[in-house]
C-alpha cells in the first residue's frame, strides 16, 4: 500500500463513455431505470441521451482511488454527490487529492468531470499504516 500524506495528488484517469458502458454498468448494478438504457425515454424526460447511474459512478470513484492507493487498502467510506450527467460519447476524467491524514485514516477528495461540467465530487476514506 502507498504511503499517504496531505497534498498528494492522484494522477488523472480518463474513461471514454460508450452506450455499452452506460447500459452494461446499469444492468450490472441491477438498476433497471429506463433512462439508463432507453434513449427515447431519457430524451422524453429532458435528457440529451441515456446517462450513467449513481452506482456506477460510485464504483468508478472507488476504482480510481483503490487503483492508486493499492488493492490491499482498507476502504473506510465513500461519500459522493452527483452533478452534471455523464452521457455516452463523452469522457469522464477523474482527479484526486489527499486532503488529510489523521487517526490512521486518509481523506481523499475526488472530482470527476465531463464536457458539461462536474459529474461527481466526493471524499474517499482509507486506512493508512501507522508506526507501531
Protein backbone atom coordinates (compact mmCIF):
# COMPACT_ATOMS: atom_id res chain seq x y z
CA UNK A 1 0.00 0.00 0.00
CA UNK A 2 1.15 3.52 -0.81
CA UNK A 3 2.26 5.91 1.95
CA UNK A 4 -0.20 8.81 2.06
CA UNK A 5 0.24 12.39 3.19
CA UNK A 6 -1.86 15.52 2.77
CA UNK A 7 -1.28 17.28 -0.52
CA UNK A 8 -0.53 14.21 -2.63
CA UNK A 9 -2.36 14.29 -5.94
CA UNK A 10 -3.64 11.24 -7.78
CA UNK A 11 -2.74 11.22 -11.48
CA UNK A 12 -5.78 11.87 -13.67
CA UNK A 13 -7.66 8.94 -15.14
CA UNK A 14 -9.94 9.35 -18.16
CA UNK A 15 -12.63 6.90 -19.19
CA UNK A 16 -14.28 7.23 -22.62
CA UNK A 17 -18.01 6.59 -22.20
CA UNK A 18 -19.86 4.46 -24.73
CA UNK A 19 -23.51 3.43 -24.81
CA UNK A 20 -22.32 -0.08 -23.90
CA UNK A 21 -20.52 1.29 -20.83
CA UNK A 22 -23.62 3.15 -19.64
CA UNK A 23 -26.08 0.31 -20.28
CA UNK A 24 -23.95 -2.61 -19.11
CA UNK A 25 -22.96 -0.96 -15.85
CA UNK A 26 -26.57 -0.05 -15.08
CA UNK A 27 -27.56 -3.67 -15.68
CA UNK A 28 -24.59 -4.93 -13.64
CA UNK A 29 -25.80 -2.86 -10.68
CA UNK A 30 -29.38 -4.14 -11.18
CA UNK A 31 -30.61 -0.63 -11.96
CA UNK A 32 -33.42 -1.14 -14.45
CA UNK A 33 -34.40 2.56 -14.57
CA UNK A 34 -35.18 3.20 -18.23
CA UNK A 35 -33.22 6.47 -18.51
CA UNK A 36 -30.01 4.41 -18.22
CA UNK A 37 -30.76 2.23 -21.27
CA UNK A 38 -33.54 3.74 -23.41
CA UNK A 39 -32.58 6.89 -25.32
CA UNK A 40 -36.19 7.72 -26.26
CA UNK A 41 -37.32 7.65 -22.64
CA UNK A 42 -34.28 9.63 -21.48
CA UNK A 43 -34.90 12.29 -24.14
CA UNK A 44 -38.62 12.44 -23.31
CA UNK A 45 -37.57 13.13 -19.71
CA UNK A 46 -35.45 16.09 -20.87
CA UNK A 47 -32.01 14.49 -21.12
CA UNK A 48 -29.95 14.61 -24.31
CA UNK A 49 -29.28 10.84 -24.06
CA UNK A 50 -29.10 7.95 -21.62
CA UNK A 51 -26.85 8.66 -18.64
CA UNK A 52 -24.69 6.87 -16.08
CA UNK A 53 -26.32 5.74 -12.84
CA UNK A 54 -25.06 6.69 -9.38
CA UNK A 55 -23.99 3.13 -8.51
CA UNK A 56 -21.61 3.06 -11.47
CA UNK A 57 -20.24 6.49 -10.58
CA UNK A 58 -19.67 5.34 -7.00
CA UNK A 59 -17.84 2.25 -8.23
CA UNK A 60 -15.64 4.28 -10.58
CA UNK A 61 -14.71 6.68 -7.76
CA UNK A 62 -13.70 3.66 -5.67
CA UNK A 63 -11.71 2.15 -8.56
CA UNK A 64 -9.89 5.43 -9.18
CA UNK A 65 -8.71 5.68 -5.57
CA UNK A 66 -8.04 1.98 -4.89
CA UNK A 67 -6.05 1.55 -8.12
CA UNK A 68 -3.76 4.35 -6.92
CA UNK A 69 -3.56 3.63 -3.18
CA UNK A 70 -3.25 -0.13 -3.65
CA UNK A 71 -5.67 -3.01 -3.86
CA UNK A 72 -4.70 -4.12 -0.35
CA UNK A 73 -6.02 -0.89 1.18
CA UNK A 74 -8.80 -0.90 3.76
CA UNK A 75 -11.61 1.26 2.37
CA UNK A 76 -13.38 3.09 5.21
CA UNK A 77 -16.03 5.04 3.32
CA UNK A 78 -17.16 6.85 0.21
CA UNK A 79 -19.47 9.87 0.07
CA UNK A 80 -20.35 11.32 -3.34
CA UNK A 81 -22.59 13.99 -4.82
CA UNK A 82 -23.68 13.92 -8.44
CA UNK A 83 -23.64 16.97 -10.69
CA UNK A 84 -23.79 17.06 -14.50
CA UNK A 85 -24.92 13.85 -16.19
CA UNK A 86 -22.39 11.54 -17.84
CA UNK A 87 -23.62 10.69 -21.34
CA UNK A 88 -22.30 8.30 -23.98
CA UNK A 89 -19.66 9.67 -26.38
CA UNK A 90 -18.21 11.85 -23.61
CA UNK A 91 -15.14 11.29 -21.44
CA UNK A 92 -15.22 11.09 -17.65
CA UNK A 93 -11.94 12.36 -16.17
CA UNK A 94 -11.11 11.83 -12.50
CA UNK A 95 -8.66 13.77 -10.35
CA UNK A 96 -8.00 13.48 -6.65
CA UNK A 97 -6.05 14.94 -3.75
CA UNK A 98 -5.23 13.59 -0.30
CA UNK A 99 -6.62 16.33 1.94
CA UNK A 100 -5.98 14.95 5.41
CA UNK A 101 -4.34 12.07 7.23
CA UNK A 102 -5.45 11.76 10.86
CA UNK A 103 -6.06 8.97 13.34
CA UNK A 104 -4.97 6.32 10.85
CA UNK A 105 -7.38 7.41 8.12
CA UNK A 106 -6.64 9.36 4.93
CA UNK A 107 -9.31 11.53 3.31
CA UNK A 108 -9.08 11.84 -0.45
CA UNK A 109 -11.20 14.37 -2.33
CA UNK A 110 -12.20 13.21 -5.81
CA UNK A 111 -13.69 15.13 -8.75
CA UNK A 112 -14.98 13.60 -11.97
CA UNK A 113 -15.54 15.92 -14.93
CA UNK A 114 -17.40 15.54 -18.22
CA UNK A 115 -17.89 18.06 -21.02
CA UNK A 116 -20.97 19.50 -19.28
CA UNK A 117 -19.01 20.18 -16.07
CA UNK A 118 -18.51 18.40 -12.78
CA UNK A 119 -20.18 14.98 -12.83
CA UNK A 120 -19.20 13.90 -9.32
CA UNK A 121 -17.49 15.24 -6.22
CA UNK A 122 -16.73 13.10 -3.25
CA UNK A 123 -14.50 12.01 -0.44
CA UNK A 124 -12.99 8.56 -0.06
CA UNK A 125 -11.55 7.45 3.27
CA UNK A 126 -8.91 4.73 3.51
CA UNK A 127 -6.99 3.33 6.46
CA UNK A 128 -3.29 4.12 6.44
CA UNK A 129 -0.43 2.29 8.07
CA UNK A 130 0.77 3.89 11.27
CA UNK A 131 4.07 3.47 13.06
CA UNK A 132 3.84 0.97 15.91
